[in-house]
Amino acid sequence: MNGIERARADLAKHGWTVLRGQRFGAGHDEVLRIAAAFGRPSTRDGGQAVWEVRPRPGRDHGTFSERTGPAAFHTDAQYHAQPEDYVCLFVVRPADDGGDTRVLGAAAALSSLPAGTLTALREPAWTWKVPEVFRSGAPAPTPTTVTTTAGTIRWRSDNLAGPPGRARRRPAAAFTAALDRAEAHQVRHRPGDVIILDNLRTLHARTAFQDPARLVLRVRLWAR
């Protein structure tokens, strides 16, 4: 079994995997070649398949991919009716002061929640704002569930759309607190790492950093 085959098996079993020591640099051709082994690259947000995740001047309040600091547990494209199936993160230059990826499976994230909170998260009443950088031509958010009985997940606490009423405020706070307490896997970034995540079964987060040279390339994928 070669590295790609092993990574596919790990992804199917665990909801995430890491390929070490890949050669891709900051160019897009090799990145897309590796990503295509796991799915079909999506250009839906931003009009490009490869998106630079790096601090951008003047975007201190932008989305996670545009600023320094930590990122809370989330899934990608949660604001779309149908998020992409996978997310690939290509580590070109790690930060020298953190910025590592944390990974948490949906089952572990939901396991400590009381029944009432789970019921609320399964109600099709949740919407998220589209990040400003992706708003051009984006459809209006459609109310959907946070999780399903099949174990899928979508989440991002800092861009829930609209003022949260009591029916959402309490379960949102309970779920956020559960994520803060959860024991997650931490992937220490190395140049040449490719982190592949099942975007429907796994949440990911980022440890804090301030290094402006950090560069990760992100590709979202549709399953073939």
C-alpha atoms as a PDB file:
ATOM      1  CA  MET A   1       0.000   0.000   0.000  1.00  0.00           C
ATOM      2  CA  ASN A   2       1.525   3.338  -1.038  1.00  0.00           C
ATOM      3  CA  GLY A   3       1.210   6.633   0.838  1.00  0.00           C
ATOM      4  CA  ILE A   4      -1.846   7.857  -1.051  1.00  0.00           C
ATOM      5  CA  GLU A   5      -3.685   4.556  -0.626  1.00  0.00           C
ATOM      6  CA  ARG A   6      -2.856   4.478   3.088  1.00  0.00           C
ATOM      7  CA  ALA A   7      -4.036   8.072   3.472  1.00  0.00           C
ATOM      8  CA  ARG A   8      -7.328   7.257   1.725  1.00  0.00           C
ATOM      9  CA  ALA A   9      -7.865   4.325   4.080  1.00  0.00           C
ATOM     10  CA  ASP A  10      -7.101   6.462   7.149  1.00  0.00           C
ATOM     11  CA  LEU A  11      -9.400   9.215   5.883  1.00  0.00           C
ATOM     12  CA  ALA A  12     -12.269   6.751   5.440  1.00  0.00           C
ATOM     13  CA  LYS A  13     -11.687   5.180   8.857  1.00  0.00           C
ATOM     14  CA  HIS A  14     -10.840   8.165  11.045  1.00  0.00           C
ATOM     15  CA  GLY A  15     -12.183  11.181   9.135  1.00  0.00           C
ATOM     16  CA  TRP A  16      -8.720  12.722   8.691  1.00  0.00           C
ATOM     17  CA  THR A  17      -5.156  11.851   7.747  1.00  0.00           C
ATOM     18  CA  VAL A  18      -1.729  13.422   7.176  1.00  0.00           C
ATOM     19  CA  LEU A  19       0.667  12.910   4.277  1.00  0.00           C
ATOM     20  CA  ARG A  20       4.213  13.844   5.308  1.00  0.00           C
ATOM     21  CA  GLY A  21       7.139  14.978   3.202  1.00  0.00           C
ATOM     22  CA  GLN A  22       5.284  15.924   0.025  1.00  0.00           C
ATOM     23  CA  ARG A  23       6.890  18.224  -2.546  1.00  0.00           C
ATOM     24  CA  PHE A  24       4.692  21.065  -3.733  1.00  0.00           C
ATOM     25  CA  GLY A  25       6.090  24.466  -2.682  1.00  0.00           C
ATOM     26  CA  ALA A  26       3.865  27.503  -3.172  1.00  0.00           C
ATOM     27  CA  GLY A  27       2.922  26.559  -6.734  1.00  0.00           C
ATOM     28  CA  HIS A  28      -0.484  25.174  -7.582  1.00  0.00           C
ATOM     29  CA  ASP A  29       0.212  22.373 -10.084  1.00  0.00           C
ATOM     30  CA  GLU A  30       1.605  19.841  -7.597  1.00  0.00           C
ATOM     31  CA  VAL A  31      -0.922  20.894  -4.961  1.00  0.00           C
ATOM     32  CA  LEU A  32      -3.800  20.160  -7.325  1.00  0.00           C
ATOM     33  CA  ARG A  33      -2.233  16.883  -8.444  1.00  0.00           C
ATOM     34  CA  ILE A  34      -2.040  15.631  -4.856  1.00  0.00           C
ATOM     35  CA  ALA A  35      -5.495  16.958  -3.967  1.00  0.00           C
ATOM     36  CA  ALA A  36      -7.043  15.260  -7.001  1.00  0.00           C
ATOM     37  CA  ALA A  37      -6.067  11.877  -5.526  1.00  0.00           C
ATOM     38  CA  PHE A  38      -8.766  12.466  -2.888  1.00  0.00           C
ATOM     39  CA  GLY A  39     -11.521  14.271  -4.785  1.00  0.00           C
ATOM     40  CA  ARG A  40     -12.497  16.942  -7.284  1.00  0.00           C
ATOM     41  CA  PRO A  41     -11.217  20.441  -6.445  1.00  0.00           C
ATOM     42  CA  SER A  42     -13.915  23.061  -5.871  1.00  0.00           C
ATOM     43  CA  THR A  43     -13.686  26.651  -7.125  1.00  0.00           C
ATOM     44  CA  ARG A  44     -17.037  27.699  -5.679  1.00  0.00           C
ATOM     45  CA  ASP A  45     -15.699  30.258  -3.176  1.00  0.00           C
ATOM     46  CA  GLY A  46     -13.247  32.798  -4.509  1.00  0.00           C
ATOM     47  CA  GLY A  47     -13.260  31.406  -8.048  1.00  0.00           C
ATOM     48  CA  GLN A  48     -10.058  29.422  -7.516  1.00  0.00           C
ATOM     49  CA  ALA A  49      -9.262  25.907  -6.368  1.00  0.00           C
ATOM     50  CA  VAL A  50      -6.209  26.826  -4.279  1.00  0.00           C
ATOM     51  CA  TRP A  51      -6.654  29.440  -1.575  1.00  0.00           C
ATOM     52  CA  GLU A  52      -3.766  30.959   0.382  1.00  0.00           C
ATOM     53  CA  VAL A  53      -4.265  30.809   4.141  1.00  0.00           C
ATOM     54  CA  ARG A  54      -1.938  33.565   5.307  1.00  0.00           C
ATOM     55  CA  PRO A  55      -2.180  36.799   7.306  1.00  0.00           C
ATOM     56  CA  ARG A  56      -3.252  39.667   5.063  1.00  0.00           C
ATOM     57  CA  PRO A  57      -2.564  43.327   5.921  1.00  0.00           C
ATOM     58  CA  GLY A  58      -5.684  45.182   6.973  1.00  0.00           C
ATOM     59  CA  ARG A  59      -7.701  41.957   7.472  1.00  0.00           C
ATOM     60  CA  ASP A  60      -7.347  41.642  11.250  1.00  0.00           C
ATOM     61  CA  HIS A  61     -11.098  41.016  11.466  1.00  0.00           C
ATOM     62  CA  GLY A  62     -11.363  38.919   8.314  1.00  0.00           C
ATOM     63  CA  THR A  63     -12.146  35.240   8.125  1.00  0.00           C
ATOM     64  CA  PHE A  64      -9.792  32.645   9.646  1.00  0.00           C
ATOM     65  CA  SER A  65      -7.748  32.330   6.459  1.00  0.00           C
ATOM     66  CA  GLU A  66      -6.891  36.053   6.424  1.00  0.00           C
ATOM     67  CA  ARG A  67      -5.657  36.710   9.960  1.00  0.00           C
ATOM     68  CA  THR A  68      -3.279  35.587  12.665  1.00  0.00           C
ATOM     69  CA  GLY A  69      -4.333  34.146  16.014  1.00  0.00           C
ATOM     70  CA  PRO A  70      -6.224  30.989  16.951  1.00  0.00           C
ATOM     71  CA  ALA A  71      -9.231  29.548  15.141  1.00  0.00           C
ATOM     72  CA  ALA A  72     -11.976  27.760  17.057  1.00  0.00           C
ATOM     73  CA  PHE A  73     -13.297  24.367  15.984  1.00  0.00           C
ATOM     74  CA  HIS A  74     -15.282  24.633  12.778  1.00  0.00           C
ATOM     75  CA  THR A  75     -16.056  23.005   9.457  1.00  0.00           C
ATOM     76  CA  ASP A  76     -15.495  24.730   6.130  1.00  0.00           C
ATOM     77  CA  ALA A  77     -18.269  26.193   3.965  1.00  0.00           C
ATOM     78  CA  GLN A  78     -20.885  25.654   6.681  1.00  0.00           C
ATOM     79  CA  TYR A  79     -22.825  28.597   5.180  1.00  0.00           C
ATOM     80  CA  HIS A  80     -23.570  26.631   1.985  1.00  0.00           C
ATOM     81  CA  ALA A  81     -26.553  24.306   1.675  1.00  0.00           C
ATOM     82  CA  GLN A  82     -24.064  21.585   0.702  1.00  0.00           C
ATOM     83  CA  PRO A  83     -20.492  22.036   1.990  1.00  0.00           C
ATOM     84  CA  GLU A  84     -17.615  20.389   0.155  1.00  0.00           C
ATOM     85  CA  ASP A  85     -16.827  16.838   1.300  1.00  0.00           C
ATOM     86  CA  TYR A  86     -13.123  17.254   2.062  1.00  0.00           C
ATOM     87  CA  VAL A  87     -10.622  19.952   2.958  1.00  0.00           C
ATOM     88  CA  CYS A  88      -6.894  19.643   2.179  1.00  0.00           C
ATOM     89  CA  LEU A  89      -4.358  21.846   3.972  1.00  0.00           C
ATOM     90  CA  PHE A  90      -0.893  22.039   2.387  1.00  0.00           C
ATOM     91  CA  VAL A  91       1.780  23.353   4.750  1.00  0.00           C
ATOM     92  CA  VAL A  92       4.250  25.463   2.771  1.00  0.00           C
ATOM     93  CA  ARG A  93       5.730  27.461   5.680  1.00  0.00           C
ATOM     94  CA  PRO A  94       4.779  26.684   9.283  1.00  0.00           C
ATOM     95  CA  ALA A  95       4.582  29.541  11.755  1.00  0.00           C
ATOM     96  CA  ASP A  96       7.546  29.736  14.113  1.00  0.00           C
ATOM     97  CA  ASP A  97       5.229  30.337  17.081  1.00  0.00           C
ATOM     98  CA  GLY A  98       2.268  27.939  16.707  1.00  0.00           C
ATOM     99  CA  GLY A  99      -0.456  27.871  14.081  1.00  0.00           C
ATOM    100  CA  ASP A 100      -0.806  24.080  14.199  1.00  0.00           C
ATOM    101  CA  THR A 101      -3.971  22.207  13.210  1.00  0.00           C
ATOM    102  CA  ARG A 102      -6.235  20.558  15.785  1.00  0.00           C
ATOM    103  CA  VAL A 103      -8.665  17.845  14.701  1.00  0.00           C
ATOM    104  CA  LEU A 104     -11.811  16.567  16.426  1.00  0.00           C
ATOM    105  CA  GLY A 105     -14.242  13.958  15.120  1.00  0.00           C
ATOM    106  CA  ALA A 106     -17.961  14.731  15.181  1.00  0.00           C
ATOM    107  CA  ALA A 107     -18.757  11.749  17.409  1.00  0.00           C
ATOM    108  CA  ALA A 108     -16.288  12.907  20.058  1.00  0.00           C
ATOM    109  CA  ALA A 109     -17.497  16.496  19.765  1.00  0.00           C
ATOM    110  CA  LEU A 110     -21.119  15.510  20.361  1.00  0.00           C
ATOM    111  CA  SER A 111     -20.640  12.703  22.873  1.00  0.00           C
ATOM    112  CA  SER A 112     -20.878  14.795  26.049  1.00  0.00           C
ATOM    113  CA  LEU A 113     -23.919  16.852  25.036  1.00  0.00           C
ATOM    114  CA  PRO A 114     -27.243  16.368  26.833  1.00  0.00           C
ATOM    115  CA  ALA A 115     -30.213  15.138  24.814  1.00  0.00           C
ATOM    116  CA  GLY A 116     -31.898  18.546  24.748  1.00  0.00           C
ATOM    117  CA  THR A 117     -28.853  20.214  23.210  1.00  0.00           C
ATOM    118  CA  LEU A 118     -28.523  17.475  20.589  1.00  0.00           C
ATOM    119  CA  THR A 119     -32.195  17.885  19.687  1.00  0.00           C
ATOM    120  CA  ALA A 120     -31.706  21.617  19.191  1.00  0.00           C
ATOM    121  CA  LEU A 121     -28.620  21.072  17.019  1.00  0.00           C
ATOM    122  CA  ARG A 122     -30.632  18.711  14.807  1.00  0.00           C
ATOM    123  CA  GLU A 123     -33.328  21.300  14.141  1.00  0.00           C
ATOM    124  CA  PRO A 124     -33.121  22.852  10.624  1.00  0.00           C
ATOM    125  CA  ALA A 125     -32.964  26.363  12.056  1.00  0.00           C
ATOM    126  CA  TRP A 126     -29.271  27.289  11.846  1.00  0.00           C
ATOM    127  CA  THR A 127     -27.657  29.682   9.377  1.00  0.00           C
ATOM    128  CA  TRP A 128     -24.200  31.204   8.996  1.00  0.00           C
ATOM    129  CA  LYS A 129     -23.014  34.394   7.350  1.00  0.00           C
ATOM    130  CA  VAL A 130     -20.903  34.077   4.231  1.00  0.00           C
ATOM    131  CA  PRO A 131     -17.425  35.564   4.871  1.00  0.00           C
ATOM    132  CA  GLU A 132     -17.080  38.966   3.241  1.00  0.00           C
ATOM    133  CA  VAL A 133     -14.310  37.807   0.911  1.00  0.00           C
ATOM    134  CA  PHE A 134     -16.685  35.207  -0.622  1.00  0.00           C
ATOM    135  CA  ARG A 135     -19.957  37.180  -0.701  1.00  0.00           C
ATOM    136  CA  SER A 136     -19.951  38.194  -4.354  1.00  0.00           C
ATOM    137  CA  GLY A 137     -22.555  36.010  -6.047  1.00  0.00           C
ATOM    138  CA  ALA A 138     -23.050  33.815  -2.980  1.00  0.00           C
ATOM    139  CA  PRO A 139     -26.599  32.565  -2.336  1.00  0.00           C
ATOM    140  CA  ALA A 140     -28.484  33.613   0.772  1.00  0.00           C
ATOM    141  CA  PRO A 141     -27.859  31.211   3.667  1.00  0.00           C
ATOM    142  CA  THR A 142     -30.442  28.435   3.969  1.00  0.00           C
ATOM    143  CA  PRO A 143     -31.525  27.215   7.431  1.00  0.00           C
ATOM    144  CA  THR A 144     -30.104  23.774   8.095  1.00  0.00           C
ATOM    145  CA  THR A 145     -29.019  21.446  10.903  1.00  0.00           C
ATOM    146  CA  VAL A 146     -25.749  21.498  12.833  1.00  0.00           C
ATOM    147  CA  THR A 147     -25.699  17.718  13.062  1.00  0.00           C
ATOM    148  CA  THR A 148     -27.774  14.781  11.889  1.00  0.00           C
ATOM    149  CA  THR A 149     -28.556  11.328  13.197  1.00  0.00           C
ATOM    150  CA  ALA A 150     -26.161  10.039  10.520  1.00  0.00           C
ATOM    151  CA  GLY A 151     -23.324  11.800  12.339  1.00  0.00           C
ATOM    152  CA  THR A 152     -22.601  14.645   9.924  1.00  0.00           C
ATOM    153  CA  ILE A 153     -21.544  18.005  11.342  1.00  0.00           C
ATOM    154  CA  ARG A 154     -21.292  21.652  10.323  1.00  0.00           C
ATOM    155  CA  TRP A 155     -20.292  24.434  12.671  1.00  0.00           C
ATOM    156  CA  ARG A 156     -18.671  27.800  13.175  1.00  0.00           C
ATOM    157  CA  SER A 157     -19.597  29.724  16.299  1.00  0.00           C
ATOM    158  CA  ASP A 158     -18.379  33.206  15.370  1.00  0.00           C
ATOM    159  CA  ASN A 159     -20.468  33.760  12.237  1.00  0.00           C
ATOM    160  CA  LEU A 160     -23.877  32.404  13.131  1.00  0.00           C
ATOM    161  CA  ALA A 161     -26.326  34.529  11.158  1.00  0.00           C
ATOM    162  CA  GLY A 162     -28.801  36.841  12.853  1.00  0.00           C
ATOM    163  CA  PRO A 163     -29.240  37.565  16.545  1.00  0.00           C
ATOM    164  CA  PRO A 164     -29.467  34.160  18.286  1.00  0.00           C
ATOM    165  CA  GLY A 165     -32.771  33.663  20.078  1.00  0.00           C
ATOM    166  CA  ARG A 166     -32.990  31.643  23.236  1.00  0.00           C
ATOM    167  CA  ALA A 167     -33.753  28.464  21.279  1.00  0.00           C
ATOM    168  CA  ARG A 168     -30.321  28.690  19.647  1.00  0.00           C
ATOM    169  CA  ARG A 169     -28.312  30.711  22.161  1.00  0.00           C
ATOM    170  CA  ARG A 170     -28.214  28.072  24.872  1.00  0.00           C
ATOM    171  CA  PRO A 171     -27.393  25.044  22.677  1.00  0.00           C
ATOM    172  CA  ALA A 172     -24.798  27.096  20.781  1.00  0.00           C
ATOM    173  CA  ALA A 173     -23.117  28.071  24.052  1.00  0.00           C
ATOM    174  CA  ALA A 174     -23.281  24.485  25.331  1.00  0.00           C
ATOM    175  CA  PHE A 175     -21.746  23.104  22.147  1.00  0.00           C
ATOM    176  CA  THR A 176     -19.004  25.760  22.121  1.00  0.00           C
ATOM    177  CA  ALA A 177     -18.156  24.919  25.731  1.00  0.00           C
ATOM    178  CA  ALA A 178     -18.051  21.188  24.905  1.00  0.00           C
ATOM    179  CA  LEU A 179     -15.635  21.868  22.048  1.00  0.00           C
ATOM    180  CA  ASP A 180     -13.420  23.921  24.354  1.00  0.00           C
ATOM    181  CA  ARG A 181     -13.213  20.951  26.756  1.00  0.00           C
ATOM    182  CA  ALA A 182     -12.713  18.253  24.127  1.00  0.00           C
ATOM    183  CA  GLU A 183      -9.450  16.345  23.790  1.00  0.00           C
ATOM    184  CA  ALA A 184      -8.378  16.826  20.200  1.00  0.00           C
ATOM    185  CA  HIS A 185      -5.538  15.554  18.039  1.00  0.00           C
ATOM    186  CA  GLN A 186      -2.918  18.218  17.366  1.00  0.00           C
ATOM    187  CA  VAL A 187      -0.925  18.063  14.148  1.00  0.00           C
ATOM    188  CA  ARG A 188       2.392  19.880  14.446  1.00  0.00           C
ATOM    189  CA  HIS A 189       2.971  21.542  11.088  1.00  0.00           C
ATOM    190  CA  ARG A 190       6.036  20.634   9.049  1.00  0.00           C
ATOM    191  CA  PRO A 191       6.889  21.839   5.543  1.00  0.00           C
ATOM    192  CA  GLY A 192       5.498  19.330   3.062  1.00  0.00           C
ATOM    193  CA  ASP A 193       2.603  18.187   5.255  1.00  0.00           C
ATOM    194  CA  VAL A 194      -0.772  17.596   3.636  1.00  0.00           C
ATOM    195  CA  ILE A 195      -3.636  17.376   6.134  1.00  0.00           C
ATOM    196  CA  ILE A 196      -6.819  15.912   4.633  1.00  0.00           C
ATOM    197  CA  LEU A 197     -10.086  16.294   6.553  1.00  0.00           C
ATOM    198  CA  ASP A 198     -13.538  14.838   6.043  1.00  0.00           C
ATOM    199  CA  ASN A 199     -15.455  18.107   6.179  1.00  0.00           C
ATOM    200  CA  LEU A 200     -18.742  16.363   7.032  1.00  0.00           C
ATOM    201  CA  ARG A 201     -17.434  14.210   9.908  1.00  0.00           C
ATOM    202  CA  THR A 202     -14.576  16.237  11.401  1.00  0.00           C
ATOM    203  CA  LEU A 203     -14.051  19.690  12.886  1.00  0.00           C
ATOM    204  CA  HIS A 204     -10.701  21.442  12.776  1.00  0.00           C
ATOM    205  CA  ALA A 205      -9.152  24.323  14.675  1.00  0.00           C
ATOM    206  CA  ARG A 206      -5.858  26.220  14.793  1.00  0.00           C
ATOM    207  CA  THR A 207      -3.547  27.115  17.648  1.00  0.00           C
ATOM    208  CA  ALA A 208      -2.569  30.762  18.101  1.00  0.00           C
ATOM    209  CA  PHE A 209       0.272  32.322  16.113  1.00  0.00           C
ATOM    210  CA  GLN A 210       1.567  35.752  15.082  1.00  0.00           C
ATOM    211  CA  ASP A 211       4.235  34.852  12.504  1.00  0.00           C
ATOM    212  CA  PRO A 212       3.315  36.743   9.278  1.00  0.00           C
ATOM    213  CA  ALA A 213       5.328  34.285   7.161  1.00  0.00           C
ATOM    214  CA  ARG A 214       3.018  31.331   7.869  1.00  0.00           C
ATOM    215  CA  LEU A 215       1.613  29.963   4.610  1.00  0.00           C
ATOM    216  CA  VAL A 216      -0.858  27.120   4.167  1.00  0.00           C
ATOM    217  CA  LEU A 217      -2.659  26.354   0.910  1.00  0.00           C
ATOM    218  CA  ARG A 218      -6.247  25.144   1.181  1.00  0.00           C
ATOM    219  CA  VAL A 219      -8.159  23.091  -1.369  1.00  0.00           C
ATOM    220  CA  ARG A 220     -11.765  22.050  -0.849  1.00  0.00           C
ATOM    221  CA  LEU A 221     -12.834  18.864  -2.585  1.00  0.00           C
ATOM    222  CA  TRP A 222     -15.985  17.144  -3.749  1.00  0.00           C
ATOM    223  CA  ALA A 223     -15.967  13.376  -3.343  1.00  0.00           C
ATOM    224  CA  ARG A 224     -15.741  11.588  -6.688  1.00  0.00           C
END
